[in-house]
Amino acid sequence: YKTESNEKIFSRASVISSVIFSRLQNIVFSHAVKTAQHNQLYEGLEIYQNRA
């Protein structure tokens, strides 16, 4: 009886942790994409200023 409830708690915790992990991955990925876009934008501006 106790082991069953422990297994339920463990499975619930693993599901929650996996959800949190995927959310974190999404946040990190989107942040990396935004950073890369900003870097490209700044590089483009520098190239444009150097041409002018």
Protein backbone atom coordinates (compact mmCIF):
# COMPACT_ATOMS: atom_id res chain seq x y z
CA TYR A 1 0.00 0.00 0.00
CA LYS A 2 2.74 2.46 0.93
CA THR A 3 4.91 1.53 -2.04
CA GLU A 4 1.99 2.17 -4.41
CA SER A 5 1.48 5.69 -3.11
CA ASN A 6 5.24 6.32 -3.27
CA GLU A 7 5.26 5.19 -6.90
CA LYS A 8 2.38 7.53 -7.67
CA ILE A 9 4.20 10.44 -6.02
CA PHE A 10 7.40 9.55 -7.88
CA SER A 11 5.68 9.34 -11.26
CA ARG A 12 3.91 12.65 -10.66
CA ALA A 13 7.19 14.27 -9.66
CA SER A 14 8.94 12.92 -12.75
CA VAL A 15 6.15 14.25 -14.99
CA ILE A 16 6.35 17.67 -13.33
CA SER A 17 10.14 17.76 -13.60
CA SER A 18 10.02 16.78 -17.28
CA VAL A 19 7.48 19.53 -17.96
CA ILE A 20 9.63 22.08 -16.15
CA PHE A 21 12.71 20.88 -18.05
CA SER A 22 10.98 21.24 -21.42
CA ARG A 23 9.77 24.73 -20.46
CA LEU A 24 13.30 25.70 -19.49
CA GLN A 25 14.64 24.33 -22.78
CA ASN A 26 12.09 26.39 -24.70
CA ILE A 27 12.99 29.55 -22.77
CA VAL A 28 16.73 29.01 -23.28
CA PHE A 29 16.25 28.21 -26.99
CA SER A 30 14.07 31.24 -27.66
CA HIS A 31 16.52 33.45 -25.77
CA ALA A 32 19.42 32.08 -27.83
CA VAL A 33 17.48 32.72 -31.05
CA LYS A 34 16.68 36.29 -29.98
CA THR A 35 20.32 36.89 -29.06
CA ALA A 36 21.48 35.56 -32.43
CA GLN A 37 18.97 37.78 -34.23
CA HIS A 38 20.16 40.82 -32.26
CA ASN A 39 23.79 39.99 -33.07
CA GLN A 40 22.97 39.70 -36.78
CA LEU A 41 21.10 43.02 -36.60
CA TYR A 42 24.05 44.77 -34.94
CA GLU A 43 26.51 43.26 -37.40
CA GLY A 44 24.34 44.45 -40.28
CA LEU A 45 24.21 47.96 -38.80
CA GLU A 46 27.99 48.02 -38.40
CA ILE A 47 28.50 46.91 -42.00
CA TYR A 48 26.00 49.56 -43.15
CA GLN A 49 27.76 52.28 -41.14
CA ASN A 50 31.16 51.21 -42.46
CA ARG A 51 29.89 51.47 -46.04
CA ALA A 52 28.44 54.94 -45.49
